[in-house]
């Protein structure tokens, strides 16, 4: 089931739900039965904190500290 973004024209609320393609959920704020399905904004891959932390650990193991700030470099040495 895909994650869809919805907009309620009755109360101007935005929300997202994991629904089947043909299902339309009610608005959680006001209960309106026909919110508009919106296109979801794409998320760039690799921007989560866990992915960044893993990349930093891998770089530190290899001796590369270019992706660390100056304050973080001082802590690792």
PDB file of N, CA and C in Angstrom:
ATOM      1  N   UNK A   1       0.845  -1.180   0.000  1.00  0.00           N
ATOM      2  CA  UNK A   1       0.000   0.000   0.000  1.00  0.00           C
ATOM      3  C   UNK A   1       0.888   1.240   0.000  1.00  0.00           C
ATOM      4  N   UNK A   2       0.641   2.156  -0.909  1.00  0.00           N
ATOM      5  CA  UNK A   2       1.450   3.374  -0.966  1.00  0.00           C
ATOM      6  C   UNK A   2       0.981   4.434   0.032  1.00  0.00           C
ATOM      7  N   UNK A   3       1.892   5.337   0.324  1.00  0.00           N
ATOM      8  CA  UNK A   3       1.622   6.461   1.210  1.00  0.00           C
ATOM      9  C   UNK A   3       1.188   7.641   0.353  1.00  0.00           C
ATOM     10  N   UNK A   4       0.012   8.186   0.630  1.00  0.00           N
ATOM     11  CA  UNK A   4      -0.519   9.303  -0.144  1.00  0.00           C
ATOM     12  C   UNK A   4      -0.672  10.538   0.726  1.00  0.00           C
ATOM     13  N   UNK A   5      -0.504  11.708   0.120  1.00  0.00           N
ATOM     14  CA  UNK A   5      -0.784  12.986   0.774  1.00  0.00           C
ATOM     15  C   UNK A   5      -2.201  13.392   0.419  1.00  0.00           C
ATOM     16  N   UNK A   6      -2.913  13.956   1.390  1.00  0.00           N
ATOM     17  CA  UNK A   6      -4.278  14.419   1.172  1.00  0.00           C
ATOM     18  C   UNK A   6      -4.417  15.842   1.679  1.00  0.00           C
ATOM     19  N   UNK A   7      -5.373  16.567   1.097  1.00  0.00           N
ATOM     20  CA  UNK A   7      -5.716  17.928   1.535  1.00  0.00           C
ATOM     21  C   UNK A   7      -7.224  17.990   1.696  1.00  0.00           C
ATOM     22  N   UNK A   8      -7.672  18.468   2.830  1.00  0.00           N
ATOM     23  CA  UNK A   8      -9.104  18.592   3.088  1.00  0.00           C
ATOM     24  C   UNK A   8      -9.562  20.001   2.721  1.00  0.00           C
ATOM     25  N   UNK A   9     -10.466  20.142   1.750  1.00  0.00           N
ATOM     26  CA  UNK A   9     -10.953  21.477   1.386  1.00  0.00           C
ATOM     27  C   UNK A   9     -11.884  22.075   2.441  1.00  0.00           C
ATOM     28  N   UNK A  10     -12.457  21.248   3.302  1.00  0.00           N
ATOM     29  CA  UNK A  10     -13.386  21.750   4.308  1.00  0.00           C
ATOM     30  C   UNK A  10     -12.671  22.481   5.442  1.00  0.00           C
ATOM     31  N   UNK A  11     -11.545  21.917   5.927  1.00  0.00           N
ATOM     32  CA  UNK A  11     -10.859  22.539   7.064  1.00  0.00           C
ATOM     33  C   UNK A  11      -9.429  22.964   6.729  1.00  0.00           C
ATOM     34  N   UNK A  12      -9.014  22.767   5.485  1.00  0.00           N
ATOM     35  CA  UNK A  12      -7.692  23.173   4.993  1.00  0.00           C
ATOM     36  C   UNK A  12      -6.549  22.412   5.678  1.00  0.00           C
ATOM     37  N   UNK A  13      -6.820  21.173   6.101  1.00  0.00           N
ATOM     38  CA  UNK A  13      -5.805  20.353   6.752  1.00  0.00           C
ATOM     39  C   UNK A  13      -5.067  19.501   5.719  1.00  0.00           C
ATOM     40  N   UNK A  14      -3.788  19.286   5.938  1.00  0.00           N
ATOM     41  CA  UNK A  14      -2.987  18.387   5.115  1.00  0.00           C
ATOM     42  C   UNK A  14      -2.599  17.194   5.977  1.00  0.00           C
ATOM     43  N   UNK A  15      -2.687  15.991   5.395  1.00  0.00           N
ATOM     44  CA  UNK A  15      -2.315  14.779   6.120  1.00  0.00           C
ATOM     45  C   UNK A  15      -1.896  13.714   5.131  1.00  0.00           C
ATOM     46  N   UNK A  16      -1.260  12.670   5.638  1.00  0.00           N
ATOM     47  CA  UNK A  16      -0.863  11.562   4.786  1.00  0.00           C
ATOM     48  C   UNK A  16      -1.348  10.263   5.390  1.00  0.00           C
ATOM     49  N   UNK A  17      -1.684   9.319   4.516  1.00  0.00           N
ATOM     50  CA  UNK A  17      -2.195   8.027   4.958  1.00  0.00           C
ATOM     51  C   UNK A  17      -1.652   6.926   4.056  1.00  0.00           C
ATOM     52  N   UNK A  18      -1.502   5.765   4.640  1.00  0.00           N
ATOM     53  CA  UNK A  18      -1.120   4.573   3.921  1.00  0.00           C
ATOM     54  C   UNK A  18      -2.422   3.871   3.534  1.00  0.00           C
ATOM     55  N   UNK A  19      -2.813   3.976   2.258  1.00  0.00           N
ATOM     56  CA  UNK A  19      -4.107   3.447   1.802  1.00  0.00           C
ATOM     57  C   UNK A  19      -3.944   2.702   0.478  1.00  0.00           C
ATOM     58  N   UNK A  20      -4.936   1.883   0.180  1.00  0.00           N
ATOM     59  CA  UNK A  20      -4.983   1.259  -1.135  1.00  0.00           C
ATOM     60  C   UNK A  20      -5.302   2.334  -2.161  1.00  0.00           C
ATOM     61  N   UNK A  21      -4.990   2.043  -3.397  1.00  0.00           N
ATOM     62  CA  UNK A  21      -5.112   3.041  -4.461  1.00  0.00           C
ATOM     63  C   UNK A  21      -6.518   3.649  -4.578  1.00  0.00           C
ATOM     64  N   UNK A  22      -7.545   2.846  -4.422  1.00  0.00           N
ATOM     65  CA  UNK A  22      -8.918   3.334  -4.607  1.00  0.00           C
ATOM     66  C   UNK A  22      -9.575   3.830  -3.331  1.00  0.00           C
ATOM     67  N   UNK A  23      -8.965   3.585  -2.179  1.00  0.00           N
ATOM     68  CA  UNK A  23      -9.547   4.019  -0.910  1.00  0.00           C
ATOM     69  C   UNK A  23      -9.321   5.511  -0.688  1.00  0.00           C
ATOM     70  N   UNK A  24     -10.321   6.154  -0.114  1.00  0.00           N
ATOM     71  CA  UNK A  24     -10.204   7.571   0.248  1.00  0.00           C
ATOM     72  C   UNK A  24     -10.544   7.693   1.727  1.00  0.00           C
ATOM     73  N   UNK A  25      -9.572   8.065   2.564  1.00  0.00           N
ATOM     74  CA  UNK A  25      -9.845   8.155   4.002  1.00  0.00           C
ATOM     75  C   UNK A  25     -10.600   9.438   4.339  1.00  0.00           C
ATOM     76  N   UNK A  26     -11.227   9.442   5.486  1.00  0.00           N
ATOM     77  CA  UNK A  26     -11.867  10.661   5.985  1.00  0.00           C
ATOM     78  C   UNK A  26     -10.796  11.550   6.596  1.00  0.00           C
ATOM     79  N   UNK A  27     -11.044  12.842   6.595  1.00  0.00           N
ATOM     80  CA  UNK A  27     -10.110  13.799   7.184  1.00  0.00           C
ATOM     81  C   UNK A  27     -10.038  13.560   8.689  1.00  0.00           C
ATOM     82  N   UNK A  28      -8.824  13.413   9.250  1.00  0.00           N
ATOM     83  CA  UNK A  28      -8.716  13.180  10.695  1.00  0.00           C
ATOM     84  C   UNK A  28      -9.071  14.404  11.528  1.00  0.00           C
ATOM     85  N   UNK A  29      -9.028  15.600  10.941  1.00  0.00           N
ATOM     86  CA  UNK A  29      -9.311  16.820  11.705  1.00  0.00           C
ATOM     87  C   UNK A  29     -10.802  17.102  11.804  1.00  0.00           C
ATOM     88  N   UNK A  30     -11.515  16.955  10.668  1.00  0.00           N
ATOM     89  CA  UNK A  30     -12.927  17.342  10.693  1.00  0.00           C
ATOM     90  C   UNK A  30     -13.873  16.217  10.275  1.00  0.00           C
ATOM     91  N   UNK A  31     -13.335  15.112   9.750  1.00  0.00           N
ATOM     92  CA  UNK A  31     -14.180  14.001   9.351  1.00  0.00           C
ATOM     93  C   UNK A  31     -14.757  14.114   7.958  1.00  0.00           C
ATOM     94  N   UNK A  32     -14.358  15.117   7.188  1.00  0.00           N
ATOM     95  CA  UNK A  32     -14.841  15.294   5.814  1.00  0.00           C
ATOM     96  C   UNK A  32     -14.553  14.028   5.016  1.00  0.00           C
ATOM     97  N   UNK A  33     -15.530  13.552   4.244  1.00  0.00           N
ATOM     98  CA  UNK A  33     -15.427  12.250   3.599  1.00  0.00           C
ATOM     99  C   UNK A  33     -14.702  12.264   2.266  1.00  0.00           C
ATOM    100  N   UNK A  34     -14.410  13.436   1.697  1.00  0.00           N
ATOM    101  CA  UNK A  34     -13.817  13.462   0.361  1.00  0.00           C
ATOM    102  C   UNK A  34     -12.623  14.416   0.270  1.00  0.00           C
ATOM    103  N   UNK A  35     -11.517  14.129   0.968  1.00  0.00           N
ATOM    104  CA  UNK A  35     -10.332  14.981   0.807  1.00  0.00           C
ATOM    105  C   UNK A  35      -9.692  14.759  -0.558  1.00  0.00           C
ATOM    106  N   UNK A  36      -8.934  15.736  -1.008  1.00  0.00           N
ATOM    107  CA  UNK A  36      -8.271  15.665  -2.315  1.00  0.00           C
ATOM    108  C   UNK A  36      -6.941  14.928  -2.166  1.00  0.00           C
ATOM    109  N   UNK A  37      -6.671  14.017  -3.098  1.00  0.00           N
ATOM    110  CA  UNK A  37      -5.379  13.336  -3.090  1.00  0.00           C
ATOM    111  C   UNK A  37      -4.371  14.253  -3.764  1.00  0.00           C
ATOM    112  N   UNK A  38      -3.222  14.430  -3.141  1.00  0.00           N
ATOM    113  CA  UNK A  38      -2.168  15.304  -3.662  1.00  0.00           C
ATOM    114  C   UNK A  38      -0.953  14.485  -4.055  1.00  0.00           C
ATOM    115  N   UNK A  39      -0.155  15.031  -4.927  1.00  0.00           N
ATOM    116  CA  UNK A  39       1.119  14.414  -5.255  1.00  0.00           C
ATOM    117  C   UNK A  39       2.080  14.659  -4.105  1.00  0.00           C
ATOM    118  N   UNK A  40       2.749  13.631  -3.686  1.00  0.00           N
ATOM    119  CA  UNK A  40       3.705  13.761  -2.594  1.00  0.00           C
ATOM    120  C   UNK A  40       5.016  14.306  -3.129  1.00  0.00           C
ATOM    121  N   UNK A  41       5.650  15.171  -2.380  1.00  0.00           N
ATOM    122  CA  UNK A  41       6.957  15.698  -2.761  1.00  0.00           C
ATOM    123  C   UNK A  41       7.997  14.599  -2.605  1.00  0.00           C
ATOM    124  N   UNK A  42       8.839  14.407  -3.595  1.00  0.00           N
ATOM    125  CA  UNK A  42       9.863  13.365  -3.457  1.00  0.00           C
ATOM    126  C   UNK A  42      10.905  13.745  -2.415  1.00  0.00           C
ATOM    127  N   UNK A  43      11.448  12.744  -1.771  1.00  0.00           N
ATOM    128  CA  UNK A  43      12.471  12.946  -0.757  1.00  0.00           C
ATOM    129  C   UNK A  43      13.803  12.496  -1.335  1.00  0.00           C
ATOM    130  N   UNK A  44      14.788  13.339  -1.219  1.00  0.00           N
ATOM    131  CA  UNK A  44      16.113  12.988  -1.732  1.00  0.00           C
ATOM    132  C   UNK A  44      16.676  11.813  -0.950  1.00  0.00           C
ATOM    133  N   UNK A  45      17.262  10.841  -1.628  1.00  0.00           N
ATOM    134  CA  UNK A  45      17.799   9.690  -0.899  1.00  0.00           C
ATOM    135  C   UNK A  45      19.039  10.065  -0.096  1.00  0.00           C
ATOM    136  N   UNK A  46      19.217   9.404   1.012  1.00  0.00           N
ATOM    137  CA  UNK A  46      20.422   9.577   1.801  1.00  0.00           C
ATOM    138  C   UNK A  46      20.462  10.807   2.668  1.00  0.00           C
ATOM    139  N   UNK A  47      19.331  11.346   3.062  1.00  0.00           N
ATOM    140  CA  UNK A  47      19.359  12.536   3.902  1.00  0.00           C
ATOM    141  C   UNK A  47      18.972  12.248   5.350  1.00  0.00           C
ATOM    142  N   UNK A  48      18.661  11.001   5.660  1.00  0.00           N
ATOM    143  CA  UNK A  48      18.274  10.722   7.035  1.00  0.00           C
ATOM    144  C   UNK A  48      19.497  10.744   7.940  1.00  0.00           C
ATOM    145  N   UNK A  49      19.275  10.992   9.180  1.00  0.00           N
ATOM    146  CA  UNK A  49      20.378  11.089  10.145  1.00  0.00           C
ATOM    147  C   UNK A  49      21.131   9.770  10.262  1.00  0.00           C
ATOM    148  N   UNK A  50      20.429   8.646  10.170  1.00  0.00           N
ATOM    149  CA  UNK A  50      21.092   7.343  10.274  1.00  0.00           C
ATOM    150  C   UNK A  50      22.024   7.089   9.102  1.00  0.00           C
ATOM    151  N   UNK A  51      21.597   7.458   7.892  1.00  0.00           N
ATOM    152  CA  UNK A  51      22.442   7.260   6.714  1.00  0.00           C
ATOM    153  C   UNK A  51      23.679   8.144   6.798  1.00  0.00           C
ATOM    154  N   UNK A  52      23.504   9.383   7.222  1.00  0.00           N
ATOM    155  CA  UNK A  52      24.644  10.288   7.366  1.00  0.00           C
ATOM    156  C   UNK A  52      25.611   9.804   8.447  1.00  0.00           C
ATOM    157  N   UNK A  53      25.069   9.325   9.542  1.00  0.00           N
ATOM    158  CA  UNK A  53      25.925   8.826  10.619  1.00  0.00           C
ATOM    159  C   UNK A  53      26.717   7.610  10.153  1.00  0.00           C
ATOM    160  N   UNK A  54      26.090   6.721   9.412  1.00  0.00           N
ATOM    161  CA  UNK A  54      26.793   5.537   8.903  1.00  0.00           C
ATOM    162  C   UNK A  54      27.896   5.942   7.925  1.00  0.00           C
ATOM    163  N   UNK A  55      27.630   6.917   7.077  1.00  0.00           N
ATOM    164  CA  UNK A  55      28.642   7.391   6.129  1.00  0.00           C
ATOM    165  C   UNK A  55      29.814   8.031   6.865  1.00  0.00           C
ATOM    166  N   UNK A  56      29.541   8.773   7.916  1.00  0.00           N
ATOM    167  CA  UNK A  56      30.615   9.391   8.693  1.00  0.00           C
ATOM    168  C   UNK A  56      31.462   8.344   9.396  1.00  0.00           C
ATOM    169  N   UNK A  57      30.814   7.314   9.952  1.00  0.00           N
ATOM    170  CA  UNK A  57      31.578   6.249  10.601  1.00  0.00           C
ATOM    171  C   UNK A  57      32.476   5.529   9.602  1.00  0.00           C
ATOM    172  N   UNK A  58      31.947   5.249   8.412  1.00  0.00           N
ATOM    173  CA  UNK A  58      32.747   4.581   7.383  1.00  0.00           C
ATOM    174  C   UNK A  58      33.918   5.451   6.960  1.00  0.00           C
ATOM    175  N   UNK A  59      33.691   6.749   6.792  1.00  0.00           N
ATOM    176  CA  UNK A  59      34.771   7.664   6.406  1.00  0.00           C
ATOM    177  C   UNK A  59      35.822   7.750   7.507  1.00  0.00           C
ATOM    178  N   UNK A  60      35.393   7.764   8.761  1.00  0.00           N
ATOM    179  CA  UNK A  60      36.349   7.843   9.868  1.00  0.00           C
ATOM    180  C   UNK A  60      37.203   6.583   9.946  1.00  0.00           C
ATOM    181  N   UNK A  61      36.588   5.408   9.685  1.00  0.00           N
ATOM    182  CA  UNK A  61      37.360   4.165   9.681  1.00  0.00           C
ATOM    183  C   UNK A  61      38.452   4.195   8.619  1.00  0.00           C
ATOM    184  N   UNK A  62      38.148   4.863   7.491  1.00  0.00           N
ATOM    185  CA  UNK A  62      39.107   4.949   6.391  1.00  0.00           C
ATOM    186  C   UNK A  62      40.059   6.125   6.543  1.00  0.00           C
ATOM    187  N   UNK A  63      39.879   6.932   7.581  1.00  0.00           N
ATOM    188  CA  UNK A  63      40.771   8.053   7.814  1.00  0.00           C
ATOM    189  C   UNK A  63      40.392   9.330   7.086  1.00  0.00           C
ATOM    190  N   UNK A  64      39.175   9.406   6.561  1.00  0.00           N
ATOM    191  CA  UNK A  64      38.709  10.609   5.861  1.00  0.00           C
ATOM    192  C   UNK A  64      37.831  11.417   6.799  1.00  0.00           C
ATOM    193  N   UNK A  65      38.236  12.630   7.085  1.00  0.00           N
ATOM    194  CA  UNK A  65      37.473  13.472   7.984  1.00  0.00           C
ATOM    195  C   UNK A  65      36.916  14.708   7.290  1.00  0.00           C
ATOM    196  N   UNK A  66      36.897  14.724   5.959  1.00  0.00           N
ATOM    197  CA  UNK A  66      36.461  15.907   5.227  1.00  0.00           C
ATOM    198  C   UNK A  66      34.969  16.172   5.389  1.00  0.00           C
ATOM    199  N   UNK A  67      34.170  15.159   5.723  1.00  0.00           N
ATOM    200  CA  UNK A  67      32.738  15.369   5.876  1.00  0.00           C
ATOM    201  C   UNK A  67      32.349  15.739   7.309  1.00  0.00           C
ATOM    202  N   UNK A  68      33.326  15.937   8.182  1.00  0.00           N
ATOM    203  CA  UNK A  68      33.087  16.367   9.551  1.00  0.00           C
ATOM    204  C   UNK A  68      33.303  17.881   9.659  1.00  0.00           C
ATOM    205  N   UNK A  69      32.590  18.513  10.584  1.00  0.00           N
ATOM    206  CA  UNK A  69      32.841  19.926  10.861  1.00  0.00           C
ATOM    207  C   UNK A  69      34.148  20.035  11.642  1.00  0.00           C
ATOM    208  N   UNK A  70      34.677  21.228  11.784  1.00  0.00           N
ATOM    209  CA  UNK A  70      35.937  21.421  12.528  1.00  0.00           C
ATOM    210  C   UNK A  70      35.813  20.955  13.965  1.00  0.00           C
ATOM    211  N   UNK A  71      34.670  21.228  14.596  1.00  0.00           N
ATOM    212  CA  UNK A  71      34.466  20.819  15.982  1.00  0.00           C
ATOM    213  C   UNK A  71      34.434  19.296  16.098  1.00  0.00           C
ATOM    214  N   UNK A  72      33.827  18.643  15.130  1.00  0.00           N
ATOM    215  CA  UNK A  72      33.763  17.178  15.162  1.00  0.00           C
ATOM    216  C   UNK A  72      35.141  16.562  14.869  1.00  0.00           C
ATOM    217  N   UNK A  73      35.901  17.185  14.004  1.00  0.00           N
ATOM    218  CA  UNK A  73      37.255  16.686  13.704  1.00  0.00           C
ATOM    219  C   UNK A  73      38.120  16.717  14.952  1.00  0.00           C
ATOM    220  N   UNK A  74      37.980  17.768  15.752  1.00  0.00           N
ATOM    221  CA  UNK A  74      38.791  17.905  16.968  1.00  0.00           C
ATOM    222  C   UNK A  74      38.445  16.795  17.968  1.00  0.00           C
ATOM    223  N   UNK A  75      37.188  16.351  18.007  1.00  0.00           N
ATOM    224  CA  UNK A  75      36.769  15.300  18.925  1.00  0.00           C
ATOM    225  C   UNK A  75      37.313  13.935  18.515  1.00  0.00           C
ATOM    226  N   UNK A  76      37.496  13.707  17.215  1.00  0.00           N
ATOM    227  CA  UNK A  76      37.879  12.389  16.741  1.00  0.00           C
ATOM    228  C   UNK A  76      39.384  12.153  16.782  1.00  0.00           C
ATOM    229  N   UNK A  77      40.167  13.176  16.961  1.00  0.00           N
ATOM    230  CA  UNK A  77      41.628  13.006  16.938  1.00  0.00           C
ATOM    231  C   UNK A  77      42.207  12.891  18.295  1.00  0.00           C
TER     232      UNK A  77
END
